[in-house]
Amino acid sequence: MALIKCPECGIEVSDRAESCPKCAYPTAGGGTTQAHGGKTQTIEQTSKRYKLQQLLSTFLIIGSVIVMIVGFSGESSGAGAFGMLGLIAGLIWFIGVRFISWWHHG
């Protein structure tokens, strides 16, 4: 077992360590080689499909709130009731998509 200097903080670290114990900088230890020249790579696990659904459900919620405000401030409450229905549907959709993206994340 040899000691090498951490390129980030300069302390001596075992050549078998996967990261520096002081600054957590990844090293080439543990019998693995590092690609990308020592840089860590973040892998995004949440699908774009779920992100699109979150965005669309957010637009539905915002649009429904606007329809509710306009509908309840006017003479007819039909548009306000339609906005309330859209708000409930948007919230259920948003919470469902957040749960599914959490479930598939790990």
Protein backbone atom coordinates (compact mmCIF):
# COMPACT_ATOMS: atom_id res chain seq x y z
CA MET A 1 0.00 0.00 0.00
CA ALA A 2 1.46 3.30 -1.12
CA LEU A 3 0.51 6.82 -0.18
CA ILE A 4 -0.33 9.41 -2.81
CA LYS A 5 -1.07 13.11 -2.49
CA CYS A 6 -4.65 14.24 -2.95
CA PRO A 7 -4.74 16.61 -5.94
CA GLU A 8 -7.39 18.74 -4.22
CA CYS A 9 -6.17 19.27 -0.64
CA GLY A 10 -2.63 17.81 -0.73
CA ILE A 11 -2.83 15.36 2.18
CA GLU A 12 -1.48 11.84 1.82
CA VAL A 13 -4.10 9.25 0.95
CA SER A 14 -3.87 5.51 0.41
CA ASP A 15 -3.64 4.53 -3.23
CA ARG A 16 -6.47 2.05 -2.58
CA ALA A 17 -8.89 4.67 -1.23
CA GLU A 18 -11.73 5.60 -3.52
CA SER A 19 -11.82 9.18 -2.27
CA CYS A 20 -9.88 11.52 -0.03
CA PRO A 21 -11.04 11.24 3.60
CA LYS A 22 -10.62 14.99 4.14
CA CYS A 23 -12.16 16.60 1.05
CA ALA A 24 -13.90 13.59 -0.60
CA TYR A 25 -12.07 14.18 -3.89
CA PRO A 26 -12.32 10.95 -5.93
CA THR A 27 -9.01 9.16 -6.41
CA ALA A 28 -8.06 6.31 -8.71
CA GLY A 29 -7.98 3.83 -5.83
CA GLY A 30 -9.96 0.73 -5.09
CA GLY A 31 -8.66 -1.12 -8.12
CA THR A 32 -10.65 1.07 -10.51
CA THR A 33 -9.46 3.53 -13.05
CA GLN A 34 -11.12 6.86 -13.49
CA ALA A 35 -12.36 8.06 -16.79
CA HIS A 36 -12.74 11.77 -17.53
CA GLY A 37 -9.41 12.72 -15.92
CA GLY A 38 -10.55 12.55 -12.29
CA LYS A 39 -13.75 14.52 -12.83
CA THR A 40 -16.95 13.11 -11.41
CA GLN A 41 -19.86 12.53 -13.74
CA THR A 42 -23.44 13.09 -12.63
CA ILE A 43 -25.99 10.76 -14.15
CA GLU A 44 -29.51 12.10 -14.24
CA GLN A 45 -31.96 9.34 -13.47
CA THR A 46 -35.26 11.21 -13.70
CA SER A 47 -36.74 10.73 -17.14
CA LYS A 48 -37.57 13.70 -19.35
CA ARG A 49 -41.03 12.23 -19.71
CA TYR A 50 -41.69 12.72 -15.99
CA LYS A 51 -40.27 16.23 -16.10
CA LEU A 52 -42.56 17.11 -19.00
CA GLN A 53 -45.55 15.77 -17.11
CA GLN A 54 -44.59 17.84 -14.06
CA LEU A 55 -44.37 20.93 -16.24
CA LEU A 56 -47.72 20.26 -17.92
CA SER A 57 -49.45 19.59 -14.62
CA THR A 58 -48.02 22.84 -13.25
CA PHE A 59 -49.42 24.73 -16.25
CA LEU A 60 -52.80 23.07 -15.64
CA ILE A 61 -52.74 24.17 -12.01
CA ILE A 62 -51.79 27.77 -12.88
CA GLY A 63 -54.37 27.95 -15.68
CA SER A 64 -57.07 26.52 -13.42
CA VAL A 65 -56.34 29.10 -10.72
CA ILE A 66 -56.64 31.88 -13.30
CA VAL A 67 -59.94 30.42 -14.60
CA MET A 68 -61.22 30.15 -11.01
CA ILE A 69 -60.36 33.78 -10.25
CA VAL A 70 -61.98 35.03 -13.43
CA GLY A 71 -64.98 32.70 -13.09
CA PHE A 72 -65.80 33.46 -9.47
CA SER A 73 -65.33 37.21 -9.90
CA GLY A 74 -67.84 37.31 -12.78
CA GLU A 75 -71.57 36.71 -12.81
CA SER A 76 -71.53 33.00 -13.67
CA SER A 77 -69.80 30.51 -11.42
CA GLY A 78 -69.68 27.85 -14.13
CA ALA A 79 -66.16 28.85 -15.17
CA GLY A 80 -65.13 28.94 -11.51
CA ALA A 81 -66.37 25.40 -10.97
CA PHE A 82 -64.56 24.30 -14.14
CA GLY A 83 -61.39 25.93 -12.78
CA MET A 84 -61.82 24.13 -9.45
CA LEU A 85 -62.13 20.80 -11.26
CA GLY A 86 -58.98 21.56 -13.27
CA LEU A 87 -57.12 22.55 -10.10
CA ILE A 88 -57.98 19.28 -8.38
CA ALA A 89 -57.04 17.25 -11.46
CA GLY A 90 -53.77 19.18 -11.82
CA LEU A 91 -52.82 18.65 -8.18
CA ILE A 92 -53.54 14.93 -8.34
CA TRP A 93 -51.55 14.67 -11.58
CA PHE A 94 -48.61 16.64 -10.15
CA ILE A 95 -48.46 14.64 -6.92
CA GLY A 96 -48.71 11.36 -8.86
CA VAL A 97 -45.88 12.31 -11.21
CA ARG A 98 -43.70 13.45 -8.30
CA PHE A 99 -44.27 10.10 -6.59
CA ILE A 100 -43.49 8.13 -9.77
CA SER A 101 -40.30 10.14 -10.43
CA TRP A 102 -39.24 9.56 -6.80
CA TRP A 103 -39.99 5.85 -7.14
CA HIS A 104 -37.94 5.48 -10.34
CA HIS A 105 -35.09 7.75 -9.24
CA GLY A 106 -33.19 5.26 -7.16
